[in-house]
Amino acid sequence: MNLYEESIRIIKKNQTETGSYVASPSFSQYGFCWLRDSSFIAEAMAEAGEYESAGRYFRWVENVLVKNKEAISRTLQKDRSDITLQDFLPTRYTLTGERNNDNWENAQSDGYGTYLWALGKFVEKTDYKINREMVELVCRYLEKVWKHPCYDAWEEEKDALHTSTLISIAAGLKAGAKMLDRETAWKEIKCFIEEECVTEGRLRKSTLNSGVDSSLIWGVCPYKLWEVQTPLVRNTISKIEEDLFFEGGLKRYCEDSYFGGGSWILLSASLALYYQETGQEEKVGLIERWIESQADAEMNLPEQVSEHLLFDDYYEEWLNKWGKIANPLLWSHANYIKLRPYGSN
């Protein structure tokens, strides 16, 4: 079987009729639609020519935003100093687009930036008509909250400003500026990153953590906020390779103990896209082969692979708490789809 084609099939199979993508259909905690994951998925599907699938997702998000219009407006009316994590929009919704009132770390803003970025790319490829009111509202919301600490892309460290979150917001507002034909705060945020989120000539994980995080790759692949050959990018990638890259698989960050700190499919694919952009075809092939070797008999790709664990003792702890690692993870399949056209056949 062809993993590229099977990845498309698996994603389509796990998309609802109304357009939402479930993060993972078989993992106890992932039966929801994350805007971050799903926007990456929709963008990859559009790259694969699956415009109908991507378009349904973007309409689903618009309906979710309409439901949350009053909540967004209340946040916009607040002084920035009065905003709390309770004022943030949810990072995940039920598959029908409702808020889920559990204790999940919902105060995250990167997913809304990723949504705008993915929508902007979709508009460039198709005749899709945006809901300008909702795009404007999301842009204003992100411009309001971007400097407020929140949980990161991994649902952790709520007291920091996370560089990958700021990158996602800047990319989204850059796309929003083009869709709305107005200035947004994306340049201000990019300057803030370059001034406040840099250590030793490279990007740092957050304002509270000087290490690296593999999600920093997104600043160049796929968001393209910086050129691939800038010293800032080269230094960041070099540190990620040094600290987090193991024989084709990429860790999230050095302190990661989730399921022991395995190697993540989706992050490895992001690094491979960087290698493709810089002409390092041998490294692209290494990662592509590693990803393909992780597919099970049904061609499902997991969230992470329990090899070269950073913290062996934590693997069993998470296994007992939540069960086996999420498999399939639709985001893993989406990032493989993005990689596959560039790799070997």
Protein backbone atom coordinates (compact mmCIF):
# COMPACT_ATOMS: atom_id res chain seq x y z
CA MET A 1 0.00 0.00 0.00
CA ASN A 2 1.04 3.61 -0.61
CA LEU A 3 1.37 5.52 2.67
CA TYR A 4 0.77 8.86 0.98
CA GLU A 5 -2.56 7.70 -0.45
CA GLU A 6 -3.47 5.86 2.73
CA SER A 7 -2.78 9.00 4.78
CA ILE A 8 -5.29 10.92 2.70
CA ARG A 9 -7.81 8.11 3.10
CA ILE A 10 -7.32 7.94 6.88
CA ILE A 11 -7.80 11.68 7.24
CA LYS A 12 -10.96 11.69 5.10
CA LYS A 13 -12.32 8.70 7.01
CA ASN A 14 -11.93 10.61 10.28
CA GLN A 15 -13.48 13.87 9.15
CA THR A 16 -17.08 14.50 10.14
CA GLU A 17 -19.73 15.44 7.60
CA THR A 18 -19.74 18.98 8.99
CA GLY A 19 -15.98 19.31 8.49
CA SER A 20 -14.20 18.78 11.81
CA TYR A 21 -11.17 16.48 12.00
CA VAL A 22 -10.79 14.32 15.09
CA ALA A 23 -7.24 14.46 16.47
CA SER A 24 -7.17 10.69 16.97
CA PRO A 25 -10.17 8.35 16.72
CA SER A 26 -8.80 5.73 19.12
CA PHE A 27 -7.08 7.67 21.93
CA SER A 28 -9.04 8.47 25.07
CA GLN A 29 -8.05 12.14 25.32
CA TYR A 30 -8.01 13.07 21.64
CA GLY A 31 -11.61 12.68 20.52
CA PHE A 32 -11.88 16.40 19.79
CA CYS A 33 -11.03 18.89 17.07
CA TRP A 34 -8.01 21.06 17.81
CA LEU A 35 -7.74 24.16 15.63
CA ARG A 36 -3.94 23.81 15.61
CA ASP A 37 -3.86 20.17 14.49
CA SER A 38 -6.81 20.48 12.15
CA SER A 39 -5.60 23.64 10.42
CA PHE A 40 -2.32 21.90 9.63
CA ILE A 41 -4.36 18.92 8.42
CA ALA A 42 -6.60 21.07 6.20
CA GLU A 43 -3.60 22.84 4.69
CA ALA A 44 -1.97 19.51 3.89
CA MET A 45 -5.18 18.19 2.35
CA ALA A 46 -5.39 21.25 0.13
CA GLU A 47 -1.78 20.65 -0.92
CA ALA A 48 -2.85 17.14 -1.90
CA GLY A 49 -5.72 18.55 -3.99
CA GLU A 50 -8.41 17.55 -1.49
CA TYR A 51 -10.09 20.94 -1.64
CA GLU A 52 -13.54 19.74 -0.68
CA SER A 53 -12.25 18.29 2.58
CA ALA A 54 -10.27 21.41 3.46
CA GLY A 55 -13.16 23.71 2.51
CA ARG A 56 -15.58 21.85 4.78
CA TYR A 57 -13.16 22.28 7.66
CA PHE A 58 -12.84 26.03 7.14
CA ARG A 59 -16.63 26.39 7.03
CA TRP A 60 -16.83 24.38 10.25
CA VAL A 61 -14.40 26.80 11.93
CA GLU A 62 -16.43 29.78 10.72
CA ASN A 63 -19.53 28.30 12.35
CA VAL A 64 -17.59 27.77 15.58
CA LEU A 65 -16.41 31.37 15.53
CA VAL A 66 -19.95 32.64 14.99
CA LYS A 67 -21.03 30.69 18.09
CA ASN A 68 -18.21 32.35 20.05
CA LYS A 69 -18.67 35.85 18.67
CA GLU A 70 -19.99 37.29 21.93
CA ALA A 71 -17.17 35.72 23.95
CA ILE A 72 -14.58 37.19 21.60
CA SER A 73 -16.26 40.59 21.79
CA ARG A 74 -16.17 40.51 25.59
CA THR A 75 -12.43 39.84 25.52
CA LEU A 76 -11.89 42.65 23.04
CA GLN A 77 -13.69 45.07 25.33
CA LYS A 78 -11.37 44.33 28.25
CA ASP A 79 -8.21 46.20 29.11
CA ARG A 80 -5.18 44.03 28.33
CA SER A 81 -4.17 44.12 31.98
CA ASP A 82 -7.51 42.59 32.99
CA ILE A 83 -7.39 39.62 30.60
CA THR A 84 -7.01 36.21 32.25
CA LEU A 85 -6.67 32.70 30.87
CA GLN A 86 -10.43 32.33 31.29
CA ASP A 87 -10.89 34.95 28.55
CA PHE A 88 -9.03 32.85 25.96
CA LEU A 89 -10.91 30.89 23.34
CA PRO A 90 -10.75 27.09 23.65
CA THR A 91 -7.95 25.25 21.89
CA ARG A 92 -10.20 22.26 21.18
CA TYR A 93 -13.90 21.77 20.52
CA THR A 94 -16.23 18.81 20.34
CA LEU A 95 -16.64 17.45 16.84
CA THR A 96 -19.96 19.28 16.59
CA GLY A 97 -18.25 22.58 17.40
CA GLU A 98 -19.25 23.04 21.02
CA ARG A 99 -17.08 24.03 23.96
CA ASN A 100 -16.10 21.15 26.20
CA ASN A 101 -16.20 22.23 29.83
CA ASP A 102 -13.53 19.98 31.27
CA ASN A 103 -10.24 20.81 32.96
CA TRP A 104 -8.14 20.69 29.78
CA GLU A 105 -5.46 23.37 29.35
CA ASN A 106 -7.65 25.29 26.94
CA ALA A 107 -6.03 28.73 27.08
CA GLN A 108 -3.92 28.57 23.93
CA SER A 109 -3.78 31.06 21.09
CA ASP A 110 -1.54 29.38 18.52
CA GLY A 111 -4.36 27.40 16.95
CA TYR A 112 -6.16 30.57 15.88
CA GLY A 113 -3.00 31.88 14.23
CA THR A 114 -2.54 28.55 12.47
CA TYR A 115 -6.15 28.70 11.31
CA LEU A 116 -5.67 32.14 9.72
CA TRP A 117 -2.43 31.02 8.08
CA ALA A 118 -4.01 27.88 6.63
CA LEU A 119 -7.12 29.79 5.52
CA GLY A 120 -4.94 32.35 3.76
CA LYS A 121 -3.15 29.63 1.82
CA PHE A 122 -6.47 28.02 0.92
CA VAL A 123 -7.87 31.31 -0.38
CA GLU A 124 -4.83 31.66 -2.64
CA LYS A 125 -5.48 28.24 -4.17
CA THR A 126 -9.26 28.41 -4.61
CA ASP A 127 -12.22 30.74 -5.08
CA TYR A 128 -13.18 30.25 -1.42
CA LYS A 129 -15.10 33.23 -0.03
CA ILE A 130 -14.03 34.11 3.48
CA ASN A 131 -16.30 35.38 6.21
CA ARG A 132 -14.59 38.75 6.55
CA GLU A 133 -16.32 39.57 9.81
CA MET A 134 -14.97 36.42 11.47
CA VAL A 135 -11.48 36.84 10.01
CA GLU A 136 -11.43 40.41 11.30
CA LEU A 137 -12.62 39.28 14.71
CA VAL A 138 -9.93 36.60 15.01
CA CYS A 139 -7.24 39.07 13.94
CA ARG A 140 -8.37 41.58 16.55
CA TYR A 141 -8.54 38.84 19.17
CA LEU A 142 -4.96 37.74 18.46
CA GLU A 143 -3.76 41.33 18.43
CA LYS A 144 -5.34 41.70 21.86
CA VAL A 145 -3.97 38.56 23.56
CA TRP A 146 -0.63 37.83 21.88
CA LYS A 147 1.46 39.35 24.68
CA HIS A 148 -0.41 37.46 27.39
CA PRO A 149 1.19 34.21 28.68
CA CYS A 150 -0.78 31.07 27.89
CA TYR A 151 -0.28 27.33 27.46
CA ASP A 152 1.97 26.29 24.60
CA ALA A 153 1.33 23.93 21.69
CA TRP A 154 1.94 20.99 24.03
CA GLU A 155 -0.56 22.25 26.65
CA GLU A 156 2.19 23.17 29.11
CA GLU A 157 3.94 26.07 30.88
CA LYS A 158 1.10 28.58 31.15
CA ASP A 159 3.19 31.38 32.67
CA ALA A 160 5.48 31.93 29.67
CA LEU A 161 5.33 33.55 26.28
CA HIS A 162 6.12 30.68 23.94
CA THR A 163 8.13 31.40 20.84
CA SER A 164 6.31 28.88 18.64
CA THR A 165 2.98 30.35 19.78
CA LEU A 166 4.15 33.84 18.84
CA ILE A 167 5.38 32.47 15.51
CA SER A 168 1.97 30.94 14.82
CA ILE A 169 0.19 34.17 15.69
CA ALA A 170 2.53 36.25 13.53
CA ALA A 171 2.02 33.90 10.58
CA GLY A 172 -1.74 34.06 11.04
CA LEU A 173 -1.85 37.83 11.28
CA LYS A 174 0.37 38.11 8.22
CA ALA A 175 -2.19 36.03 6.32
CA GLY A 176 -5.01 38.06 7.87
CA ALA A 177 -3.43 41.29 6.67
CA LYS A 178 -3.52 40.01 3.10
CA MET A 179 -7.07 38.69 3.32
CA LEU A 180 -8.38 41.88 4.90
CA ASP A 181 -6.11 44.28 3.02
CA ARG A 182 -5.08 46.07 6.20
CA GLU A 183 -2.08 46.27 8.49
CA THR A 184 -1.97 43.83 11.39
CA ALA A 185 0.46 43.38 14.27
CA TRP A 186 2.44 40.57 12.64
CA LYS A 187 5.58 42.65 12.07
CA GLU A 188 5.50 43.88 15.66
CA ILE A 189 5.27 40.30 16.92
CA LYS A 190 8.11 39.15 14.66
CA CYS A 191 10.29 41.98 15.99
CA PHE A 192 9.36 41.00 19.55
CA ILE A 193 10.48 37.43 18.86
CA GLU A 194 13.80 38.60 17.44
CA GLU A 195 14.39 40.88 20.41
CA GLU A 196 13.01 38.88 23.35
CA CYS A 197 13.03 35.21 22.29
CA VAL A 198 16.62 34.77 21.10
CA THR A 199 19.56 33.25 22.99
CA GLU A 200 23.06 32.83 21.57
CA GLY A 201 21.90 33.77 18.10
CA ARG A 202 19.06 31.23 17.98
CA LEU A 203 15.41 31.05 18.93
CA ARG A 204 14.60 29.86 22.44
CA LYS A 205 11.68 27.75 23.61
CA SER A 206 10.00 30.50 25.64
CA THR A 207 10.63 33.55 27.78
CA LEU A 208 11.16 31.16 30.70
CA ASN A 209 13.13 28.42 28.95
CA SER A 210 16.35 29.07 27.03
CA GLY A 211 16.42 25.62 25.44
CA VAL A 212 15.01 24.75 22.04
CA ASP A 213 11.73 23.17 21.04
CA SER A 214 11.24 21.39 17.72
CA SER A 215 8.11 23.44 17.05
CA LEU A 216 10.47 26.37 16.39
CA ILE A 217 11.04 24.81 12.97
CA TRP A 218 7.59 26.05 12.02
CA GLY A 219 8.93 29.60 11.85
CA VAL A 220 10.50 28.67 8.54
CA CYS A 221 8.74 25.41 7.58
CA PRO A 222 5.88 25.88 6.98
CA TYR A 223 5.21 29.48 8.06
CA LYS A 224 8.15 31.09 6.22
CA LEU A 225 8.52 34.04 8.59
CA TRP A 226 12.26 33.84 7.97
CA GLU A 227 14.35 32.70 5.04
CA VAL A 228 15.91 29.26 5.47
CA GLN A 229 19.49 30.54 5.22
CA THR A 230 19.32 33.31 7.82
CA PRO A 231 21.77 32.84 10.74
CA LEU A 232 18.87 32.81 13.22
CA VAL A 233 17.29 29.86 11.43
CA ARG A 234 20.54 27.97 10.86
CA ASN A 235 21.56 28.35 14.49
CA THR A 236 18.14 27.21 15.71
CA ILE A 237 18.09 24.14 13.49
CA SER A 238 21.65 23.26 14.50
CA LYS A 239 20.71 23.30 18.19
CA ILE A 240 17.56 21.25 17.54
CA GLU A 241 19.65 18.68 15.67
CA GLU A 242 22.21 18.57 18.47
CA ASP A 243 19.73 18.17 21.31
CA LEU A 244 16.65 16.48 19.85
CA PHE A 245 17.37 14.50 16.66
CA PHE A 246 17.87 10.73 16.93
CA GLU A 247 18.33 8.58 13.80
CA GLY A 248 15.43 10.07 11.85
CA GLY A 249 13.15 10.82 14.80
CA LEU A 250 12.78 14.19 16.51
CA LYS A 251 11.94 14.91 20.17
CA ARG A 252 9.80 17.85 21.27
CA TYR A 253 12.19 19.34 23.86
CA CYS A 254 14.82 18.15 26.32
CA GLU A 255 12.58 18.02 29.40
CA ASP A 256 9.76 16.14 27.67
CA SER A 257 8.54 13.22 29.80
CA TYR A 258 5.18 12.60 28.04
CA PHE A 259 5.18 8.84 27.35
CA GLY A 260 8.88 9.00 28.23
CA GLY A 261 9.78 11.57 25.61
CA GLY A 262 9.65 9.62 22.36
CA SER A 263 10.24 10.74 18.78
CA TRP A 264 7.40 12.58 17.04
CA ILE A 265 6.34 11.81 13.46
CA LEU A 266 4.94 15.26 12.73
CA LEU A 267 8.02 17.10 13.98
CA SER A 268 10.36 14.84 12.06
CA ALA A 269 8.41 15.65 8.89
CA SER A 270 8.72 19.38 9.61
CA LEU A 271 12.50 19.01 9.90
CA ALA A 272 12.53 17.05 6.64
CA LEU A 273 10.75 19.94 4.93
CA TYR A 274 13.53 22.23 6.12
CA TYR A 275 16.11 19.82 4.73
CA GLN A 276 14.26 19.78 1.42
CA GLU A 277 14.25 23.58 1.32
CA THR A 278 18.01 23.60 1.89
CA GLY A 279 18.81 20.83 -0.57
CA GLN A 280 19.81 18.18 1.99
CA GLU A 281 18.19 15.29 0.17
CA GLU A 282 19.99 12.51 2.06
CA LYS A 283 18.53 13.78 5.33
CA VAL A 284 15.09 14.08 3.72
CA GLY A 285 15.32 10.43 2.70
CA LEU A 286 16.49 9.36 6.15
CA ILE A 287 13.47 10.93 7.83
CA GLU A 288 11.04 9.75 5.17
CA ARG A 289 12.22 6.17 5.57
CA TRP A 290 12.05 6.45 9.35
CA ILE A 291 8.45 7.73 9.20
CA GLU A 292 7.37 5.02 6.78
CA SER A 293 8.91 2.35 9.02
CA GLN A 294 6.59 3.46 11.86
CA ALA A 295 3.35 2.70 9.99
CA ASP A 296 1.48 -0.34 11.29
CA ALA A 297 -0.23 -3.02 9.21
CA GLU A 298 -3.23 -0.72 8.61
CA MET A 299 -0.86 2.11 7.57
CA ASN A 300 -1.65 4.12 10.68
CA LEU A 301 0.99 6.58 11.89
CA PRO A 302 1.25 7.20 15.65
CA GLU A 303 1.78 10.46 17.48
CA GLN A 304 5.20 9.43 18.76
CA VAL A 305 7.53 6.43 18.77
CA SER A 306 8.88 5.08 22.05
CA GLU A 307 12.54 4.87 21.06
CA HIS A 308 15.57 6.70 22.50
CA LEU A 309 13.32 7.76 25.37
CA LEU A 310 14.44 10.78 27.33
CA PHE A 311 12.80 9.51 30.54
CA ASP A 312 12.23 5.74 30.47
CA ASP A 313 10.42 5.63 33.82
CA TYR A 314 7.60 7.86 32.58
CA TYR A 315 6.57 5.62 29.70
CA GLU A 316 4.77 3.07 31.87
CA GLU A 317 3.25 5.84 33.98
CA TRP A 318 1.55 7.41 30.96
CA LEU A 319 0.66 4.01 29.54
CA ASN A 320 -1.18 3.16 32.75
CA LYS A 321 -2.85 6.57 32.86
CA TRP A 322 -4.12 6.96 29.28
CA GLY A 323 -3.41 3.71 27.44
CA LYS A 324 -1.35 3.18 24.30
CA ILE A 325 0.12 6.11 22.36
CA ALA A 326 -2.39 7.76 20.00
CA ASN A 327 -2.52 5.83 16.74
CA PRO A 328 -3.46 7.02 14.22
CA LEU A 329 -2.77 10.70 14.82
CA LEU A 330 -4.18 12.65 11.90
CA TRP A 331 -1.60 15.41 12.29
CA SER A 332 1.18 12.84 11.76
CA HIS A 333 -0.45 11.77 8.51
CA ALA A 334 -0.92 15.39 7.43
CA ASN A 335 2.73 16.27 7.90
CA TYR A 336 3.76 13.14 6.04
CA ILE A 337 1.52 14.24 3.17
CA LYS A 338 3.40 17.55 3.13
CA LEU A 339 6.73 15.73 3.02
CA ARG A 340 5.93 12.93 0.61
CA PRO A 341 5.84 14.84 -2.71
CA TYR A 342 9.42 15.98 -2.07
CA GLY A 343 10.83 12.62 -1.05
CA SER A 344 11.81 9.56 -3.00
CA ASN A 345 9.18 7.32 -4.58
